[in-house]
Amino acid sequence: MKKIIPPFTKQTAIAKVQAAEYAWNSKDPERVSLAYTKDSQWRNRDQFFTGRAAIAKFLSNKWNKELHYALKKYLWSFTDNRISVRFEYEWQAADSGQWNRTHGNEHWEFDEDGLMQIRDMSANDIEINEGDRKFK
């Protein structure tokens, strides 16, 4: 796959969003962390952390708790080196078995090599019945 770097066009922004969706759906924390700069700054809800090691640890913990994780990302807007997305994903809580759908937004900023240097995420979870899942 060709490296997607700024400045973004509508086509490359959509491709960048799709690449992120594919990577996250792999549920491979090490693979996903390579899309970020070594000192990438994250806000994920109420958590703030920096760097690939912290990203990989966060994702590993996340996917151990959120079983059957399935994500869909949608391009919201973009500029030269920034992309905003809305997303939704479904998962089953490892501790209770409860199915959930998470809705949210992310704002991304990239360096000149196409690595994400800032990720700012806000989201809300809702409980759903297994029969109401969209992503199976």
N, C-alpha and C. Protein backbone atom coordinates (compact mmCIF):
# COMPACT_ATOMS: atom_id res chain seq x y z
N MET A 1 0.85 -1.18 0.00
CA MET A 1 0.00 0.00 0.00
C MET A 1 0.89 1.24 0.00
N LYS A 2 0.53 2.22 -0.81
CA LYS A 2 1.28 3.46 -0.88
C LYS A 2 1.06 4.28 0.40
N LYS A 3 2.15 4.87 0.87
CA LYS A 3 2.10 5.71 2.07
C LYS A 3 1.21 6.93 1.80
N ILE A 4 0.31 7.25 2.71
CA ILE A 4 -0.60 8.39 2.57
C ILE A 4 -0.07 9.52 3.44
N ILE A 5 0.36 10.60 2.79
CA ILE A 5 0.98 11.72 3.51
C ILE A 5 0.26 13.02 3.19
N PRO A 6 0.37 14.00 4.09
CA PRO A 6 -0.19 15.33 3.80
C PRO A 6 0.58 16.01 2.68
N PRO A 7 0.00 16.99 2.04
CA PRO A 7 -1.35 17.52 2.27
C PRO A 7 -2.41 16.57 1.71
N PHE A 8 -3.52 16.48 2.44
CA PHE A 8 -4.59 15.56 2.08
C PHE A 8 -5.53 16.17 1.04
N THR A 9 -6.01 15.31 0.17
CA THR A 9 -7.13 15.61 -0.72
C THR A 9 -8.32 14.83 -0.17
N LYS A 10 -9.48 15.02 -0.72
CA LYS A 10 -10.63 14.24 -0.26
C LYS A 10 -10.35 12.75 -0.43
N GLN A 11 -9.79 12.38 -1.55
CA GLN A 11 -9.50 10.97 -1.84
C GLN A 11 -8.48 10.39 -0.85
N THR A 12 -7.39 11.12 -0.58
CA THR A 12 -6.39 10.58 0.34
C THR A 12 -6.87 10.62 1.80
N ALA A 13 -7.70 11.60 2.14
CA ALA A 13 -8.27 11.63 3.50
C ALA A 13 -9.18 10.43 3.71
N ILE A 14 -10.00 10.11 2.73
CA ILE A 14 -10.86 8.91 2.83
C ILE A 14 -10.00 7.66 2.95
N ALA A 15 -8.94 7.59 2.16
CA ALA A 15 -8.05 6.42 2.22
C ALA A 15 -7.37 6.31 3.58
N LYS A 16 -6.98 7.44 4.16
CA LYS A 16 -6.34 7.44 5.48
C LYS A 16 -7.32 6.93 6.54
N VAL A 17 -8.56 7.37 6.47
CA VAL A 17 -9.59 6.93 7.42
C VAL A 17 -9.83 5.43 7.26
N GLN A 18 -9.91 4.96 6.01
CA GLN A 18 -10.14 3.53 5.77
C GLN A 18 -8.97 2.69 6.28
N ALA A 19 -7.75 3.17 6.07
CA ALA A 19 -6.57 2.46 6.57
C ALA A 19 -6.60 2.35 8.10
N ALA A 20 -7.01 3.44 8.76
CA ALA A 20 -7.11 3.41 10.22
C ALA A 20 -8.17 2.41 10.67
N GLU A 21 -9.31 2.39 9.97
CA GLU A 21 -10.37 1.44 10.31
C GLU A 21 -9.86 0.01 10.18
N TYR A 22 -9.22 -0.32 9.08
CA TYR A 22 -8.68 -1.67 8.88
C TYR A 22 -7.69 -2.03 9.98
N ALA A 23 -6.78 -1.11 10.29
CA ALA A 23 -5.76 -1.39 11.30
C ALA A 23 -6.40 -1.65 12.66
N TRP A 24 -7.31 -0.78 13.08
CA TRP A 24 -7.94 -0.94 14.39
C TRP A 24 -8.75 -2.24 14.45
N ASN A 25 -9.40 -2.61 13.37
CA ASN A 25 -10.17 -3.85 13.37
C ASN A 25 -9.28 -5.09 13.41
N SER A 26 -7.99 -4.93 13.17
CA SER A 26 -7.05 -6.06 13.32
C SER A 26 -6.87 -6.42 14.79
N LYS A 27 -7.12 -5.46 15.67
CA LYS A 27 -6.93 -5.62 17.11
C LYS A 27 -5.50 -6.04 17.45
N ASP A 28 -4.55 -5.50 16.69
CA ASP A 28 -3.13 -5.78 16.90
C ASP A 28 -2.47 -4.50 17.41
N PRO A 29 -2.29 -4.37 18.74
CA PRO A 29 -1.79 -3.12 19.32
C PRO A 29 -0.45 -2.66 18.75
N GLU A 30 0.46 -3.57 18.53
CA GLU A 30 1.78 -3.20 18.00
C GLU A 30 1.67 -2.66 16.58
N ARG A 31 0.89 -3.33 15.75
CA ARG A 31 0.69 -2.87 14.37
C ARG A 31 0.05 -1.49 14.36
N VAL A 32 -1.01 -1.31 15.14
CA VAL A 32 -1.71 -0.03 15.18
C VAL A 32 -0.79 1.08 15.66
N SER A 33 0.04 0.80 16.66
CA SER A 33 0.89 1.85 17.23
C SER A 33 1.90 2.40 16.23
N LEU A 34 2.23 1.64 15.20
CA LEU A 34 3.20 2.09 14.20
C LEU A 34 2.66 3.21 13.29
N ALA A 35 1.37 3.47 13.34
CA ALA A 35 0.77 4.55 12.55
C ALA A 35 0.94 5.91 13.24
N TYR A 36 1.53 5.91 14.44
CA TYR A 36 1.67 7.12 15.25
C TYR A 36 3.14 7.48 15.42
N THR A 37 3.42 8.75 15.61
CA THR A 37 4.80 9.17 15.86
C THR A 37 5.26 8.57 17.19
N LYS A 38 6.56 8.50 17.37
CA LYS A 38 7.12 7.93 18.61
C LYS A 38 6.67 8.71 19.84
N ASP A 39 6.38 10.00 19.64
CA ASP A 39 5.95 10.85 20.77
C ASP A 39 4.51 11.35 20.58
N SER A 40 3.71 10.57 19.89
CA SER A 40 2.31 10.93 19.63
C SER A 40 1.59 11.24 20.93
N GLN A 41 0.79 12.30 20.91
CA GLN A 41 0.02 12.72 22.09
C GLN A 41 -1.44 12.30 21.91
N TRP A 42 -1.96 11.63 22.89
CA TRP A 42 -3.33 11.12 22.85
C TRP A 42 -4.16 11.69 23.98
N ARG A 43 -5.41 11.99 23.63
CA ARG A 43 -6.48 12.11 24.63
C ARG A 43 -7.52 11.12 24.19
N ASN A 44 -7.83 10.18 25.04
CA ASN A 44 -8.87 9.20 24.78
C ASN A 44 -9.86 9.29 25.94
N ARG A 45 -10.97 9.99 25.69
CA ARG A 45 -11.95 10.27 26.74
C ARG A 45 -11.26 11.06 27.85
N ASP A 46 -11.10 10.45 29.03
CA ASP A 46 -10.49 11.16 30.16
C ASP A 46 -9.05 10.73 30.41
N GLN A 47 -8.45 10.05 29.45
CA GLN A 47 -7.06 9.60 29.60
C GLN A 47 -6.15 10.39 28.66
N PHE A 48 -4.99 10.75 29.17
CA PHE A 48 -3.99 11.48 28.39
C PHE A 48 -2.68 10.70 28.49
N PHE A 49 -2.05 10.43 27.35
CA PHE A 49 -0.77 9.73 27.37
C PHE A 49 0.01 10.03 26.09
N THR A 50 1.30 9.67 26.11
CA THR A 50 2.21 10.01 25.03
C THR A 50 3.06 8.80 24.66
N GLY A 51 3.23 8.59 23.35
CA GLY A 51 4.18 7.61 22.86
C GLY A 51 3.61 6.27 22.45
N ARG A 52 4.34 5.61 21.55
CA ARG A 52 3.90 4.33 21.00
C ARG A 52 3.73 3.24 22.06
N ALA A 53 4.64 3.17 23.02
CA ALA A 53 4.53 2.13 24.06
C ALA A 53 3.23 2.32 24.85
N ALA A 54 2.92 3.55 25.19
CA ALA A 54 1.67 3.83 25.93
C ALA A 54 0.46 3.53 25.06
N ILE A 55 0.54 3.83 23.77
CA ILE A 55 -0.56 3.53 22.84
C ILE A 55 -0.79 2.03 22.78
N ALA A 56 0.28 1.26 22.57
CA ALA A 56 0.14 -0.19 22.47
C ALA A 56 -0.42 -0.78 23.77
N LYS A 57 0.03 -0.28 24.92
CA LYS A 57 -0.49 -0.76 26.20
C LYS A 57 -1.97 -0.44 26.34
N PHE A 58 -2.34 0.80 26.01
CA PHE A 58 -3.74 1.20 26.08
C PHE A 58 -4.61 0.29 25.20
N LEU A 59 -4.18 0.07 23.96
CA LEU A 59 -4.97 -0.73 23.02
C LEU A 59 -5.05 -2.19 23.46
N SER A 60 -3.98 -2.72 23.98
CA SER A 60 -4.00 -4.10 24.48
C SER A 60 -5.02 -4.24 25.60
N ASN A 61 -4.99 -3.31 26.55
CA ASN A 61 -5.97 -3.33 27.65
C ASN A 61 -7.39 -3.18 27.12
N LYS A 62 -7.56 -2.27 26.17
CA LYS A 62 -8.88 -2.01 25.58
C LYS A 62 -9.47 -3.29 24.98
N TRP A 63 -8.68 -3.94 24.13
CA TRP A 63 -9.21 -5.10 23.41
C TRP A 63 -9.29 -6.35 24.27
N ASN A 64 -8.67 -6.35 25.44
CA ASN A 64 -8.89 -7.43 26.40
C ASN A 64 -10.22 -7.27 27.12
N LYS A 65 -10.71 -6.03 27.21
CA LYS A 65 -11.97 -5.73 27.89
C LYS A 65 -13.14 -5.66 26.92
N GLU A 66 -12.87 -5.24 25.68
CA GLU A 66 -13.91 -5.04 24.66
C GLU A 66 -13.82 -6.17 23.63
N LEU A 67 -14.57 -7.24 23.90
CA LEU A 67 -14.54 -8.42 23.04
C LEU A 67 -15.38 -8.20 21.79
N HIS A 68 -15.05 -8.92 20.73
CA HIS A 68 -15.80 -8.88 19.46
C HIS A 68 -15.86 -7.46 18.89
N TYR A 69 -14.82 -6.70 19.13
CA TYR A 69 -14.71 -5.30 18.70
C TYR A 69 -14.85 -5.20 17.18
N ALA A 70 -15.75 -4.35 16.72
CA ALA A 70 -15.94 -4.09 15.29
C ALA A 70 -16.21 -2.60 15.11
N LEU A 71 -15.39 -1.94 14.29
CA LEU A 71 -15.35 -0.49 14.16
C LEU A 71 -15.67 -0.03 12.74
N LYS A 72 -16.36 1.10 12.65
CA LYS A 72 -16.57 1.79 11.37
C LYS A 72 -16.25 3.26 11.58
N LYS A 73 -15.36 3.80 10.73
CA LYS A 73 -14.98 5.22 10.78
C LYS A 73 -15.51 5.92 9.54
N TYR A 74 -15.89 7.19 9.69
CA TYR A 74 -16.42 8.00 8.59
C TYR A 74 -15.69 9.33 8.56
N LEU A 75 -15.20 9.72 7.39
CA LEU A 75 -14.56 11.02 7.25
C LEU A 75 -15.57 12.11 7.56
N TRP A 76 -15.19 13.05 8.41
CA TRP A 76 -16.05 14.19 8.73
C TRP A 76 -15.54 15.43 8.00
N SER A 77 -14.22 15.73 8.15
CA SER A 77 -13.64 16.88 7.47
C SER A 77 -12.12 16.70 7.44
N PHE A 78 -11.45 17.55 6.64
CA PHE A 78 -10.00 17.47 6.57
C PHE A 78 -9.43 18.82 6.13
N THR A 79 -8.15 19.02 6.44
CA THR A 79 -7.37 20.16 5.94
C THR A 79 -6.04 19.57 5.47
N ASP A 80 -5.05 20.40 5.29
CA ASP A 80 -3.76 19.93 4.78
C ASP A 80 -3.20 18.75 5.56
N ASN A 81 -3.11 18.86 6.90
CA ASN A 81 -2.51 17.79 7.69
C ASN A 81 -3.39 17.33 8.86
N ARG A 82 -4.68 17.64 8.78
CA ARG A 82 -5.62 17.24 9.83
C ARG A 82 -6.83 16.55 9.23
N ILE A 83 -7.34 15.58 9.99
CA ILE A 83 -8.55 14.85 9.60
C ILE A 83 -9.42 14.71 10.84
N SER A 84 -10.72 14.91 10.67
CA SER A 84 -11.69 14.63 11.73
C SER A 84 -12.61 13.52 11.25
N VAL A 85 -12.89 12.60 12.15
CA VAL A 85 -13.77 11.48 11.82
C VAL A 85 -14.85 11.35 12.88
N ARG A 86 -15.95 10.75 12.47
CA ARG A 86 -16.92 10.25 13.43
C ARG A 86 -16.83 8.74 13.32
N PHE A 87 -17.15 8.06 14.37
CA PHE A 87 -17.04 6.61 14.36
C PHE A 87 -18.10 5.98 15.24
N GLU A 88 -18.28 4.71 15.03
CA GLU A 88 -19.06 3.89 15.93
C GLU A 88 -18.44 2.50 15.93
N TYR A 89 -18.49 1.89 17.09
CA TYR A 89 -18.04 0.51 17.17
C TYR A 89 -18.87 -0.24 18.19
N GLU A 90 -18.88 -1.55 18.02
CA GLU A 90 -19.63 -2.41 18.93
C GLU A 90 -18.67 -3.38 19.58
N TRP A 91 -19.04 -3.77 20.79
CA TRP A 91 -18.19 -4.66 21.56
C TRP A 91 -19.00 -5.28 22.69
N GLN A 92 -18.48 -6.39 23.19
CA GLN A 92 -19.10 -7.09 24.30
C GLN A 92 -18.16 -6.98 25.50
N ALA A 93 -18.69 -6.53 26.62
CA ALA A 93 -17.88 -6.36 27.83
C ALA A 93 -17.41 -7.73 28.33
N ALA A 94 -16.09 -7.86 28.51
CA ALA A 94 -15.52 -9.12 28.96
C ALA A 94 -16.02 -9.52 30.35
N ASP A 95 -16.27 -8.53 31.21
CA ASP A 95 -16.67 -8.85 32.58
C ASP A 95 -18.14 -9.20 32.74
N SER A 96 -19.02 -8.56 31.96
CA SER A 96 -20.46 -8.76 32.16
C SER A 96 -21.16 -9.45 30.99
N GLY A 97 -20.54 -9.44 29.82
CA GLY A 97 -21.19 -10.00 28.63
C GLY A 97 -22.14 -9.02 27.95
N GLN A 98 -22.30 -7.82 28.51
CA GLN A 98 -23.20 -6.80 27.95
C GLN A 98 -22.67 -6.29 26.62
N TRP A 99 -23.53 -6.21 25.61
CA TRP A 99 -23.17 -5.61 24.33
C TRP A 99 -23.32 -4.10 24.41
N ASN A 100 -22.43 -3.39 23.73
CA ASN A 100 -22.40 -1.93 23.73
C ASN A 100 -22.11 -1.41 22.33
N ARG A 101 -22.56 -0.20 22.08
CA ARG A 101 -22.16 0.54 20.88
C ARG A 101 -21.58 1.86 21.37
N THR A 102 -20.43 2.21 20.83
CA THR A 102 -19.77 3.45 21.18
C THR A 102 -19.84 4.38 19.98
N HIS A 103 -20.26 5.63 20.22
CA HIS A 103 -20.32 6.67 19.20
C HIS A 103 -19.34 7.76 19.59
N GLY A 104 -18.60 8.29 18.60
CA GLY A 104 -17.66 9.34 18.96
C GLY A 104 -17.06 10.07 17.80
N ASN A 105 -16.13 10.95 18.15
CA ASN A 105 -15.41 11.79 17.19
C ASN A 105 -13.93 11.75 17.54
N GLU A 106 -13.11 11.85 16.50
CA GLU A 106 -11.67 11.94 16.67
C GLU A 106 -11.15 13.08 15.81
N HIS A 107 -10.15 13.75 16.32
CA HIS A 107 -9.45 14.78 15.55
C HIS A 107 -8.00 14.36 15.50
N TRP A 108 -7.47 14.29 14.29
CA TRP A 108 -6.12 13.78 14.06
C TRP A 108 -5.25 14.87 13.43
N GLU A 109 -3.98 14.90 13.83
CA GLU A 109 -2.99 15.77 13.19
C GLU A 109 -1.79 14.91 12.82
N PHE A 110 -1.28 15.09 11.60
CA PHE A 110 -0.22 14.25 11.05
C PHE A 110 1.06 15.04 10.82
N ASP A 111 2.19 14.32 10.91
CA ASP A 111 3.46 14.93 10.54
C ASP A 111 3.67 14.77 9.03
N GLU A 112 4.79 15.27 8.54
CA GLU A 112 5.05 15.26 7.09
C GLU A 112 5.22 13.85 6.53
N ASP A 113 5.48 12.86 7.39
CA ASP A 113 5.61 11.47 6.94
C ASP A 113 4.29 10.70 6.99
N GLY A 114 3.21 11.37 7.39
CA GLY A 114 1.90 10.73 7.44
C GLY A 114 1.63 9.98 8.73
N LEU A 115 2.49 10.16 9.74
CA LEU A 115 2.26 9.55 11.04
C LEU A 115 1.44 10.49 11.91
N MET A 116 0.54 9.92 12.67
CA MET A 116 -0.33 10.75 13.50
C MET A 116 0.44 11.22 14.74
N GLN A 117 0.49 12.54 14.92
CA GLN A 117 1.21 13.09 16.06
C GLN A 117 0.27 13.52 17.18
N ILE A 118 -0.98 13.76 16.86
CA ILE A 118 -1.99 14.11 17.87
C ILE A 118 -3.28 13.37 17.55
N ARG A 119 -3.87 12.77 18.58
CA ARG A 119 -5.18 12.11 18.46
C ARG A 119 -6.01 12.58 19.65
N ASP A 120 -7.15 13.19 19.36
CA ASP A 120 -8.04 13.70 20.40
C ASP A 120 -9.40 13.03 20.19
N MET A 121 -9.85 12.23 21.17
CA MET A 121 -11.05 11.42 21.00
C MET A 121 -12.05 11.67 22.11
N SER A 122 -13.32 11.79 21.71
CA SER A 122 -14.44 11.88 22.65
C SER A 122 -15.47 10.84 22.23
N ALA A 123 -16.09 10.17 23.20
CA ALA A 123 -17.06 9.12 22.86
C ALA A 123 -18.04 8.88 23.99
N ASN A 124 -19.16 8.27 23.62
CA ASN A 124 -20.19 7.85 24.56
C ASN A 124 -20.54 6.39 24.25
N ASP A 125 -20.80 5.62 25.28
CA ASP A 125 -21.20 4.22 25.14
C ASP A 125 -22.70 4.09 25.43
N ILE A 126 -23.34 3.22 24.67
CA ILE A 126 -24.73 2.88 24.98
C ILE A 126 -24.85 1.36 25.01
N GLU A 127 -25.65 0.87 25.93
CA GLU A 127 -25.89 -0.56 25.99
C GLU A 127 -26.88 -0.93 24.90
N ILE A 128 -26.64 -2.06 24.25
CA ILE A 128 -27.54 -2.56 23.21
C ILE A 128 -27.80 -4.04 23.45
N ASN A 129 -28.86 -4.54 22.86
CA ASN A 129 -29.12 -5.97 22.85
C ASN A 129 -28.31 -6.59 21.72
N GLU A 130 -27.91 -7.82 21.89
CA GLU A 130 -27.11 -8.49 20.86
C GLU A 130 -27.83 -8.45 19.51
N GLY A 131 -29.14 -8.57 19.51
CA GLY A 131 -29.93 -8.55 18.27
C GLY A 131 -29.95 -7.20 17.58
N ASP A 132 -29.53 -6.13 18.26
CA ASP A 132 -29.51 -4.78 17.69
C ASP A 132 -28.15 -4.40 17.09
N ARG A 133 -27.22 -5.34 17.07
CA ARG A 133 -25.90 -5.05 16.52
C ARG A 133 -25.98 -4.70 15.04
N LYS A 134 -25.17 -3.73 14.63
CA LYS A 134 -25.05 -3.35 13.22
C LYS A 134 -23.89 -4.07 12.54
N PHE A 135 -22.84 -4.33 13.31
CA PHE A 135 -21.59 -4.85 12.75
C PHE A 135 -21.39 -6.28 13.24
N LYS A 136 -21.69 -7.21 12.39
CA LYS A 136 -21.59 -8.63 12.78
C LYS A 136 -20.52 -9.32 11.98
